[in-house]
Amino acid sequence: METYALVEARNQLGQLVGRVRHGHEQILISEYGKPAAALVPVEELEELERLRDEADVAEARRREAERSEPPVGHDAFMAQLEAEDRQAGQ
């Protein structure tokens, strides 16, 4: 993966985007000598987003499986909140 300083990348942005789009390259952009951003093909970005979504779903399922109480439906939850509000108002 090639690295370009931000000023240089700005001056060559069109060329760099073409290399990423057509050559499926990845380009790192640095600012003050430190990595700041990357140009990656859209397909790779979409794959990263898909993997992140899958990880989020897996984590949600793991947490749900660890719950000691069964999940409460919306209507039951709203009834529970209303009962709590009535008790707090007494």
N, C-alpha and C. Protein backbone atom coordinates (compact mmCIF):
# COMPACT_ATOMS: atom_id res chain seq x y z
N MET A 1 0.86 -1.16 0.00
CA MET A 1 0.00 0.00 0.00
C MET A 1 0.91 1.23 0.00
N GLU A 2 0.66 2.10 -0.94
CA GLU A 2 1.45 3.33 -1.02
C GLU A 2 0.88 4.39 -0.09
N THR A 3 1.76 5.26 0.39
CA THR A 3 1.37 6.35 1.27
C THR A 3 1.68 7.67 0.60
N TYR A 4 0.75 8.59 0.68
CA TYR A 4 0.92 9.93 0.14
C TYR A 4 0.63 10.93 1.24
N ALA A 5 1.45 11.97 1.30
CA ALA A 5 1.17 13.07 2.21
C ALA A 5 -0.11 13.76 1.74
N LEU A 6 -0.84 14.35 2.65
CA LEU A 6 -2.13 14.97 2.33
C LEU A 6 -2.01 15.99 1.21
N VAL A 7 -1.02 16.84 1.25
CA VAL A 7 -0.85 17.86 0.20
C VAL A 7 -0.64 17.21 -1.15
N GLU A 8 0.20 16.19 -1.20
CA GLU A 8 0.46 15.48 -2.45
C GLU A 8 -0.80 14.75 -2.93
N ALA A 9 -1.53 14.12 -2.01
CA ALA A 9 -2.75 13.41 -2.38
C ALA A 9 -3.79 14.38 -2.92
N ARG A 10 -3.88 15.56 -2.32
CA ARG A 10 -4.83 16.57 -2.79
C ARG A 10 -4.51 16.96 -4.23
N ASN A 11 -3.25 17.12 -4.52
CA ASN A 11 -2.83 17.52 -5.87
C ASN A 11 -3.04 16.42 -6.90
N GLN A 12 -3.06 15.17 -6.46
CA GLN A 12 -3.19 14.03 -7.38
C GLN A 12 -4.49 13.26 -7.16
N LEU A 13 -5.47 13.87 -6.52
CA LEU A 13 -6.67 13.14 -6.12
C LEU A 13 -7.33 12.39 -7.27
N GLY A 14 -7.53 13.03 -8.39
CA GLY A 14 -8.17 12.37 -9.52
C GLY A 14 -7.42 11.12 -9.96
N GLN A 15 -6.11 11.22 -10.04
CA GLN A 15 -5.29 10.07 -10.44
C GLN A 15 -5.37 8.96 -9.39
N LEU A 16 -5.30 9.34 -8.11
CA LEU A 16 -5.35 8.33 -7.05
C LEU A 16 -6.70 7.62 -7.02
N VAL A 17 -7.77 8.37 -7.19
CA VAL A 17 -9.10 7.75 -7.22
C VAL A 17 -9.20 6.79 -8.39
N GLY A 18 -8.67 7.15 -9.54
CA GLY A 18 -8.67 6.25 -10.69
C GLY A 18 -7.90 4.97 -10.41
N ARG A 19 -6.76 5.09 -9.74
CA ARG A 19 -5.98 3.89 -9.40
C ARG A 19 -6.75 2.99 -8.44
N VAL A 20 -7.44 3.59 -7.52
CA VAL A 20 -8.23 2.80 -6.56
C VAL A 20 -9.40 2.14 -7.27
N ARG A 21 -10.11 2.92 -8.07
CA ARG A 21 -11.30 2.41 -8.75
C ARG A 21 -10.97 1.33 -9.77
N HIS A 22 -9.99 1.59 -10.61
CA HIS A 22 -9.72 0.67 -11.71
C HIS A 22 -8.65 -0.37 -11.38
N GLY A 23 -7.72 -0.02 -10.54
CA GLY A 23 -6.62 -0.93 -10.22
C GLY A 23 -6.82 -1.65 -8.91
N HIS A 24 -7.92 -1.33 -8.22
CA HIS A 24 -8.24 -1.95 -6.93
C HIS A 24 -7.09 -1.81 -5.94
N GLU A 25 -6.41 -0.67 -6.01
CA GLU A 25 -5.34 -0.39 -5.07
C GLU A 25 -5.92 0.21 -3.79
N GLN A 26 -5.12 0.20 -2.76
CA GLN A 26 -5.44 0.89 -1.52
C GLN A 26 -4.35 1.95 -1.33
N ILE A 27 -4.76 3.15 -0.97
CA ILE A 27 -3.79 4.23 -0.82
C ILE A 27 -3.99 4.87 0.55
N LEU A 28 -2.90 4.99 1.28
CA LEU A 28 -2.92 5.59 2.60
C LEU A 28 -2.53 7.06 2.48
N ILE A 29 -3.26 7.91 3.17
CA ILE A 29 -2.98 9.34 3.18
C ILE A 29 -2.53 9.72 4.57
N SER A 30 -1.37 10.39 4.63
CA SER A 30 -0.83 10.76 5.94
C SER A 30 -0.92 12.27 6.13
N GLU A 31 -0.98 12.65 7.38
CA GLU A 31 -1.00 14.06 7.75
C GLU A 31 -0.02 14.23 8.89
N TYR A 32 0.91 15.13 8.73
CA TYR A 32 1.97 15.33 9.72
C TYR A 32 2.73 14.04 10.00
N GLY A 33 2.91 13.23 8.96
CA GLY A 33 3.69 12.01 9.07
C GLY A 33 2.97 10.82 9.67
N LYS A 34 1.68 10.98 10.00
CA LYS A 34 0.91 9.88 10.60
C LYS A 34 -0.26 9.51 9.70
N PRO A 35 -0.60 8.21 9.62
CA PRO A 35 -1.75 7.80 8.81
C PRO A 35 -3.01 8.54 9.25
N ALA A 36 -3.75 9.08 8.27
CA ALA A 36 -4.95 9.86 8.59
C ALA A 36 -6.20 9.31 7.90
N ALA A 37 -6.04 8.76 6.72
CA ALA A 37 -7.20 8.26 5.97
C ALA A 37 -6.71 7.28 4.92
N ALA A 38 -7.66 6.60 4.30
CA ALA A 38 -7.30 5.65 3.24
C ALA A 38 -8.31 5.74 2.12
N LEU A 39 -7.82 5.55 0.92
CA LEU A 39 -8.67 5.39 -0.25
C LEU A 39 -8.74 3.89 -0.53
N VAL A 40 -9.94 3.35 -0.54
CA VAL A 40 -10.12 1.92 -0.82
C VAL A 40 -11.25 1.77 -1.83
N PRO A 41 -11.23 0.70 -2.61
CA PRO A 41 -12.33 0.47 -3.54
C PRO A 41 -13.67 0.37 -2.79
N VAL A 42 -14.71 0.84 -3.42
CA VAL A 42 -16.04 0.83 -2.82
C VAL A 42 -16.45 -0.59 -2.41
N GLU A 43 -16.07 -1.58 -3.21
CA GLU A 43 -16.43 -2.96 -2.89
C GLU A 43 -15.83 -3.39 -1.55
N GLU A 44 -14.61 -2.95 -1.29
CA GLU A 44 -13.97 -3.29 -0.01
C GLU A 44 -14.66 -2.59 1.15
N LEU A 45 -15.06 -1.35 0.95
CA LEU A 45 -15.80 -0.63 1.99
C LEU A 45 -17.13 -1.32 2.28
N GLU A 46 -17.84 -1.71 1.23
CA GLU A 46 -19.11 -2.42 1.42
C GLU A 46 -18.91 -3.72 2.18
N GLU A 47 -17.83 -4.44 1.87
CA GLU A 47 -17.53 -5.70 2.57
C GLU A 47 -17.23 -5.44 4.04
N LEU A 48 -16.48 -4.39 4.33
CA LEU A 48 -16.20 -4.03 5.73
C LEU A 48 -17.50 -3.71 6.48
N GLU A 49 -18.39 -2.96 5.84
CA GLU A 49 -19.66 -2.63 6.47
C GLU A 49 -20.50 -3.87 6.70
N ARG A 50 -20.51 -4.80 5.74
CA ARG A 50 -21.27 -6.05 5.89
C ARG A 50 -20.72 -6.86 7.05
N LEU A 51 -19.40 -6.97 7.14
CA LEU A 51 -18.78 -7.72 8.24
C LEU A 51 -19.08 -7.08 9.59
N ARG A 52 -19.06 -5.75 9.64
CA ARG A 52 -19.38 -5.05 10.90
C ARG A 52 -20.84 -5.31 11.30
N ASP A 53 -21.75 -5.26 10.31
CA ASP A 53 -23.16 -5.55 10.60
C ASP A 53 -23.34 -6.97 11.11
N GLU A 54 -22.65 -7.93 10.49
CA GLU A 54 -22.75 -9.32 10.94
C GLU A 54 -22.22 -9.47 12.37
N ALA A 55 -21.15 -8.78 12.69
CA ALA A 55 -20.59 -8.83 14.05
C ALA A 55 -21.58 -8.23 15.05
N ASP A 56 -22.24 -7.14 14.67
CA ASP A 56 -23.23 -6.51 15.55
C ASP A 56 -24.41 -7.46 15.81
N VAL A 57 -24.88 -8.12 14.77
CA VAL A 57 -26.00 -9.06 14.92
C VAL A 57 -25.58 -10.23 15.81
N ALA A 58 -24.38 -10.74 15.60
CA ALA A 58 -23.89 -11.85 16.42
C ALA A 58 -23.79 -11.43 17.89
N GLU A 59 -23.32 -10.23 18.14
CA GLU A 59 -23.22 -9.74 19.52
C GLU A 59 -24.60 -9.59 20.15
N ALA A 60 -25.55 -9.07 19.40
CA ALA A 60 -26.91 -8.93 19.91
C ALA A 60 -27.51 -10.30 20.24
N ARG A 61 -27.28 -11.28 19.37
CA ARG A 61 -27.80 -12.64 19.63
C ARG A 61 -27.12 -13.26 20.85
N ARG A 62 -25.82 -13.02 21.00
CA ARG A 62 -25.10 -13.54 22.17
C ARG A 62 -25.66 -12.95 23.45
N ARG A 63 -25.90 -11.65 23.45
CA ARG A 63 -26.45 -11.00 24.65
C ARG A 63 -27.86 -11.50 24.95
N GLU A 64 -28.64 -11.68 23.91
CA GLU A 64 -30.01 -12.18 24.10
C GLU A 64 -29.99 -13.59 24.69
N ALA A 65 -29.06 -14.41 24.23
CA ALA A 65 -28.95 -15.79 24.74
C ALA A 65 -28.52 -15.82 26.20
N GLU A 66 -27.80 -14.81 26.64
CA GLU A 66 -27.33 -14.77 28.02
C GLU A 66 -28.36 -14.22 29.00
N ARG A 67 -29.44 -13.66 28.49
CA ARG A 67 -30.45 -13.09 29.38
C ARG A 67 -31.07 -14.18 30.24
N SER A 68 -31.27 -13.88 31.51
CA SER A 68 -31.87 -14.87 32.41
C SER A 68 -33.39 -14.84 32.34
N GLU A 69 -33.95 -13.71 31.94
CA GLU A 69 -35.41 -13.59 31.84
C GLU A 69 -35.81 -13.65 30.38
N PRO A 70 -36.98 -14.19 30.10
CA PRO A 70 -37.43 -14.20 28.71
C PRO A 70 -37.72 -12.78 28.25
N PRO A 71 -37.57 -12.51 26.96
CA PRO A 71 -37.86 -11.16 26.46
C PRO A 71 -39.32 -10.80 26.66
N VAL A 72 -39.57 -9.53 26.85
CA VAL A 72 -40.93 -9.01 27.07
C VAL A 72 -41.38 -8.34 25.79
N GLY A 73 -42.59 -8.62 25.36
CA GLY A 73 -43.14 -7.99 24.16
C GLY A 73 -43.46 -6.53 24.40
N HIS A 74 -43.72 -5.82 23.32
CA HIS A 74 -43.97 -4.38 23.40
C HIS A 74 -45.18 -4.06 24.27
N ASP A 75 -46.31 -4.75 24.04
CA ASP A 75 -47.54 -4.47 24.80
C ASP A 75 -47.33 -4.73 26.28
N ALA A 76 -46.67 -5.83 26.62
CA ALA A 76 -46.42 -6.14 28.03
C ALA A 76 -45.48 -5.11 28.65
N PHE A 77 -44.51 -4.68 27.91
CA PHE A 77 -43.58 -3.67 28.41
C PHE A 77 -44.31 -2.36 28.68
N MET A 78 -45.16 -1.93 27.75
CA MET A 78 -45.91 -0.69 27.94
C MET A 78 -46.86 -0.80 29.13
N ALA A 79 -47.49 -1.95 29.32
CA ALA A 79 -48.38 -2.15 30.47
C ALA A 79 -47.57 -2.07 31.76
N GLN A 80 -46.38 -2.64 31.75
CA GLN A 80 -45.52 -2.59 32.94
C GLN A 80 -45.14 -1.14 33.26
N LEU A 81 -44.80 -0.35 32.25
CA LEU A 81 -44.47 1.05 32.47
C LEU A 81 -45.66 1.83 33.02
N GLU A 82 -46.84 1.58 32.48
CA GLU A 82 -48.05 2.26 32.96
C GLU A 82 -48.33 1.91 34.42
N ALA A 83 -48.16 0.63 34.78
CA ALA A 83 -48.37 0.21 36.17
C ALA A 83 -47.36 0.89 37.09
N GLU A 84 -46.12 1.00 36.66
CA GLU A 84 -45.10 1.67 37.45
C GLU A 84 -45.44 3.16 37.63
N ASP A 85 -45.96 3.78 36.56
CA ASP A 85 -46.34 5.19 36.64
C ASP A 85 -47.51 5.38 37.62
N ARG A 86 -48.48 4.45 37.59
CA ARG A 86 -49.61 4.54 38.53
C ARG A 86 -49.12 4.42 39.97
N GLN A 87 -48.21 3.48 40.21
CA GLN A 87 -47.68 3.30 41.57
C GLN A 87 -46.91 4.53 42.01
N ALA A 88 -46.14 5.12 41.13
CA ALA A 88 -45.36 6.30 41.50
C ALA A 88 -46.28 7.48 41.77
N GLY A 89 -47.47 7.54 41.17
CA GLY A 89 -48.41 8.63 41.35
C GLY A 89 -49.23 8.53 42.62
N GLN A 90 -49.20 7.40 43.32
CA GLN A 90 -50.02 7.21 44.53
C GLN A 90 -49.38 7.87 45.72
